[in-house]
Amino acid sequence: MAKKPSPEAKARRKAALATPTDIGSNATRDIEGALNAVLADTFALYLKTKNFHWHVSGPHFRDYHLLFDDQSAEILASTDDIGERVRKIGGTTLRSIGHIGRLQRIADNDADFVTPQDMLAELREDNQTMVQKLREAHALADEHDDVGTTSLLENLIDQAEKRAWFLFEASRSI
């Protein structure tokens, strides 16, 4: 069993990550929490989208397979921007799969089989949930005059809205 670090060791470890910022400590704490929850949701949505990419089947296989692959790549690409934003404002970010699991609000889907229509609907709902959570984080960052975070979140909102739109259109029967 690993020995727990002393309080002094913990303080030294945290001090090494003290990023200079003009954002106050309360703002950093609040925004760090909001962004880490968004980051956990982003990883959960990435893995679910990739899962559906790997397991989609049926007459529209190629279209859905490519759609899910494109969307999962976009989602994964956003994780670095979110994590780096947390660090830029002096916060610390996710460290493990367990940490993601404790913070994520996007539900996993471990089903053995999901129909393509259910995949489209579930991902659309998850992306709409992401838009809602991103807007909540945006309001918090705006409250603290954190323009860098609000700008990042505005781009992420636009991306999530576009994904939800594509998933909606792909699920429509004419």
Protein backbone atom coordinates (compact mmCIF):
# COMPACT_ATOMS: atom_id res chain seq x y z
CA MET A 1 0.00 0.00 0.00
CA ALA A 2 1.30 3.43 -0.96
CA LYS A 3 2.25 5.89 1.76
CA LYS A 4 0.16 9.08 1.86
CA PRO A 5 2.13 12.27 1.25
CA SER A 6 2.65 14.64 4.18
CA PRO A 7 0.85 18.01 4.26
CA GLU A 8 4.17 19.69 3.44
CA ALA A 9 4.65 17.46 0.38
CA LYS A 10 1.11 18.23 -0.75
CA ALA A 11 1.75 21.98 -0.40
CA ARG A 12 4.99 21.74 -2.42
CA ARG A 13 3.25 19.81 -5.18
CA LYS A 14 0.46 22.36 -5.45
CA ALA A 15 2.86 25.32 -5.33
CA ALA A 16 4.65 24.03 -8.42
CA LEU A 17 1.42 24.48 -10.38
CA ALA A 18 0.71 28.05 -9.23
CA THR A 19 0.06 29.69 -12.60
CA PRO A 20 0.15 33.50 -12.57
CA THR A 21 -3.31 34.89 -13.41
CA ASP A 22 -5.33 38.02 -12.76
CA ILE A 23 -8.44 35.94 -12.18
CA GLY A 24 -9.22 35.85 -8.48
CA SER A 25 -8.98 32.67 -6.44
CA ASN A 26 -12.77 32.41 -6.00
CA ALA A 27 -13.28 32.82 -9.75
CA THR A 28 -10.55 30.29 -10.48
CA ARG A 29 -12.15 27.78 -8.11
CA ASP A 30 -15.62 28.26 -9.62
CA ILE A 31 -14.52 28.22 -13.25
CA GLU A 32 -12.11 25.32 -12.66
CA GLY A 33 -15.00 23.27 -11.25
CA ALA A 34 -17.30 24.12 -14.14
CA LEU A 35 -14.66 23.43 -16.78
CA ASN A 36 -13.57 20.15 -15.20
CA ALA A 37 -17.20 18.95 -15.23
CA VAL A 38 -17.46 20.02 -18.90
CA LEU A 39 -14.19 18.20 -19.59
CA ALA A 40 -15.48 15.03 -17.92
CA ASP A 41 -18.66 15.26 -20.00
CA THR A 42 -16.57 15.80 -23.11
CA PHE A 43 -14.55 12.64 -22.49
CA ALA A 44 -17.76 10.67 -21.76
CA LEU A 45 -19.38 11.96 -24.96
CA TYR A 46 -16.22 11.20 -26.95
CA LEU A 47 -16.12 7.59 -25.77
CA LYS A 48 -19.84 7.06 -26.34
CA THR A 49 -19.60 8.52 -29.86
CA LYS A 50 -16.57 6.33 -30.62
CA ASN A 51 -18.39 3.30 -29.17
CA PHE A 52 -21.30 3.92 -31.54
CA HIS A 53 -18.85 4.45 -34.42
CA TRP A 54 -17.37 1.01 -33.75
CA HIS A 55 -20.72 -0.75 -33.26
CA VAL A 56 -23.12 0.85 -35.74
CA SER A 57 -24.71 -1.53 -38.24
CA GLY A 58 -27.44 -1.59 -40.83
CA PRO A 59 -28.24 -0.11 -44.24
CA HIS A 60 -26.79 3.33 -43.37
CA PHE A 61 -23.64 1.86 -41.82
CA ARG A 62 -21.14 3.84 -43.88
CA ASP A 63 -22.86 7.20 -43.41
CA TYR A 64 -23.32 6.79 -39.66
CA HIS A 65 -19.87 5.23 -39.20
CA LEU A 66 -18.26 8.27 -40.86
CA LEU A 67 -20.54 10.76 -39.06
CA PHE A 68 -19.69 9.29 -35.65
CA ASP A 69 -15.99 9.22 -36.51
CA ASP A 70 -16.00 12.89 -37.57
CA GLN A 71 -17.92 13.91 -34.47
CA SER A 72 -15.76 11.89 -32.09
CA ALA A 73 -12.60 13.45 -33.56
CA GLU A 74 -14.02 16.95 -33.07
CA ILE A 75 -15.02 16.14 -29.49
CA LEU A 76 -11.61 14.67 -28.64
CA ALA A 77 -9.83 17.68 -30.15
CA SER A 78 -11.70 20.00 -27.77
CA THR A 79 -10.43 18.23 -24.64
CA ASP A 80 -6.97 19.77 -24.85
CA ASP A 81 -8.37 23.30 -25.20
CA ILE A 82 -10.59 22.81 -22.15
CA GLY A 83 -7.84 21.30 -20.01
CA GLU A 84 -5.35 23.97 -21.02
CA ARG A 85 -7.87 26.71 -20.21
CA VAL A 86 -8.19 25.33 -16.68
CA ARG A 87 -4.40 25.54 -16.32
CA LYS A 88 -4.21 29.05 -17.85
CA ILE A 89 -6.48 30.42 -15.13
CA GLY A 90 -4.44 28.77 -12.38
CA GLY A 91 -6.55 25.69 -11.82
CA THR A 92 -5.78 21.99 -11.96
CA THR A 93 -7.56 19.58 -14.21
CA LEU A 94 -8.68 15.97 -14.45
CA ARG A 95 -6.12 13.34 -13.61
CA SER A 96 -7.78 9.96 -14.19
CA ILE A 97 -10.65 7.92 -15.58
CA GLY A 98 -11.97 7.72 -12.00
CA HIS A 99 -11.96 11.52 -11.78
CA ILE A 100 -13.91 11.69 -15.04
CA GLY A 101 -16.40 9.15 -13.70
CA ARG A 102 -17.01 11.21 -10.56
CA LEU A 103 -17.70 14.42 -12.51
CA GLN A 104 -19.41 13.32 -15.73
CA ARG A 105 -23.07 14.12 -16.27
CA ILE A 106 -23.33 12.41 -19.67
CA ALA A 107 -24.47 8.83 -19.03
CA ASP A 108 -22.46 5.91 -20.37
CA ASN A 109 -24.05 3.37 -22.69
CA ASP A 110 -22.72 -0.14 -22.08
CA ALA A 111 -25.48 -1.96 -23.96
CA ASP A 112 -24.45 -4.92 -26.10
CA PHE A 113 -26.58 -3.65 -28.99
CA VAL A 114 -28.06 -0.25 -29.79
CA THR A 115 -30.06 0.38 -32.95
CA PRO A 116 -28.70 3.07 -35.27
CA GLN A 117 -31.83 5.20 -34.68
CA ASP A 118 -31.32 4.96 -30.91
CA MET A 119 -27.65 5.87 -31.35
CA LEU A 120 -28.58 9.00 -33.30
CA ALA A 121 -31.25 9.98 -30.76
CA GLU A 122 -29.05 9.38 -27.73
CA LEU A 123 -26.10 11.30 -29.16
CA ARG A 124 -28.41 14.16 -30.20
CA GLU A 125 -29.79 14.38 -26.66
CA ASP A 126 -26.27 14.19 -25.19
CA ASN A 127 -25.05 16.99 -27.45
CA GLN A 128 -28.07 19.09 -26.47
CA THR A 129 -27.21 18.41 -22.83
CA MET A 130 -23.64 19.51 -23.59
CA VAL A 131 -24.97 22.79 -25.01
CA GLN A 132 -26.92 23.37 -21.79
CA LYS A 133 -23.89 22.60 -19.57
CA LEU A 134 -21.61 24.74 -21.75
CA ARG A 135 -24.07 27.65 -21.48
CA GLU A 136 -24.11 27.27 -17.68
CA ALA A 137 -20.30 27.35 -17.60
CA HIS A 138 -20.35 30.34 -19.97
CA ALA A 139 -22.68 32.27 -17.63
CA LEU A 140 -20.35 31.55 -14.71
CA ALA A 141 -17.24 32.62 -16.63
CA ASP A 142 -19.05 35.75 -17.83
CA GLU A 143 -20.02 36.55 -14.24
CA HIS A 144 -16.28 36.54 -13.40
CA ASP A 145 -15.30 38.56 -16.53
CA ASP A 146 -13.26 35.62 -17.86
CA VAL A 147 -13.29 36.51 -21.55
CA GLY A 148 -10.89 33.73 -22.55
CA THR A 149 -13.14 31.05 -21.08
CA THR A 150 -16.34 32.58 -22.48
CA SER A 151 -14.74 32.73 -25.94
CA LEU A 152 -13.68 29.07 -25.76
CA LEU A 153 -17.12 28.03 -24.54
CA GLU A 154 -18.86 29.95 -27.32
CA ASN A 155 -16.92 27.93 -29.90
CA LEU A 156 -17.71 24.68 -28.09
CA ILE A 157 -21.41 25.59 -27.93
CA ASP A 158 -21.42 26.17 -31.68
CA GLN A 159 -19.74 22.81 -32.31
CA ALA A 160 -22.17 20.92 -30.05
CA GLU A 161 -25.17 22.63 -31.66
CA LYS A 162 -23.88 21.61 -35.09
CA ARG A 163 -23.40 18.00 -33.97
CA ALA A 164 -26.94 17.92 -32.55
CA TRP A 165 -28.30 19.35 -35.79
CA PHE A 166 -26.48 16.76 -37.94
CA LEU A 167 -27.70 13.95 -35.69
CA PHE A 168 -31.26 15.27 -35.89
CA GLU A 169 -31.16 15.51 -39.68
CA ALA A 170 -29.60 12.05 -40.02
CA SER A 171 -32.39 10.55 -37.91
CA ARG A 172 -35.30 12.04 -39.86
CA SER A 173 -37.39 9.83 -42.07
CA ILE A 174 -38.65 11.60 -45.16
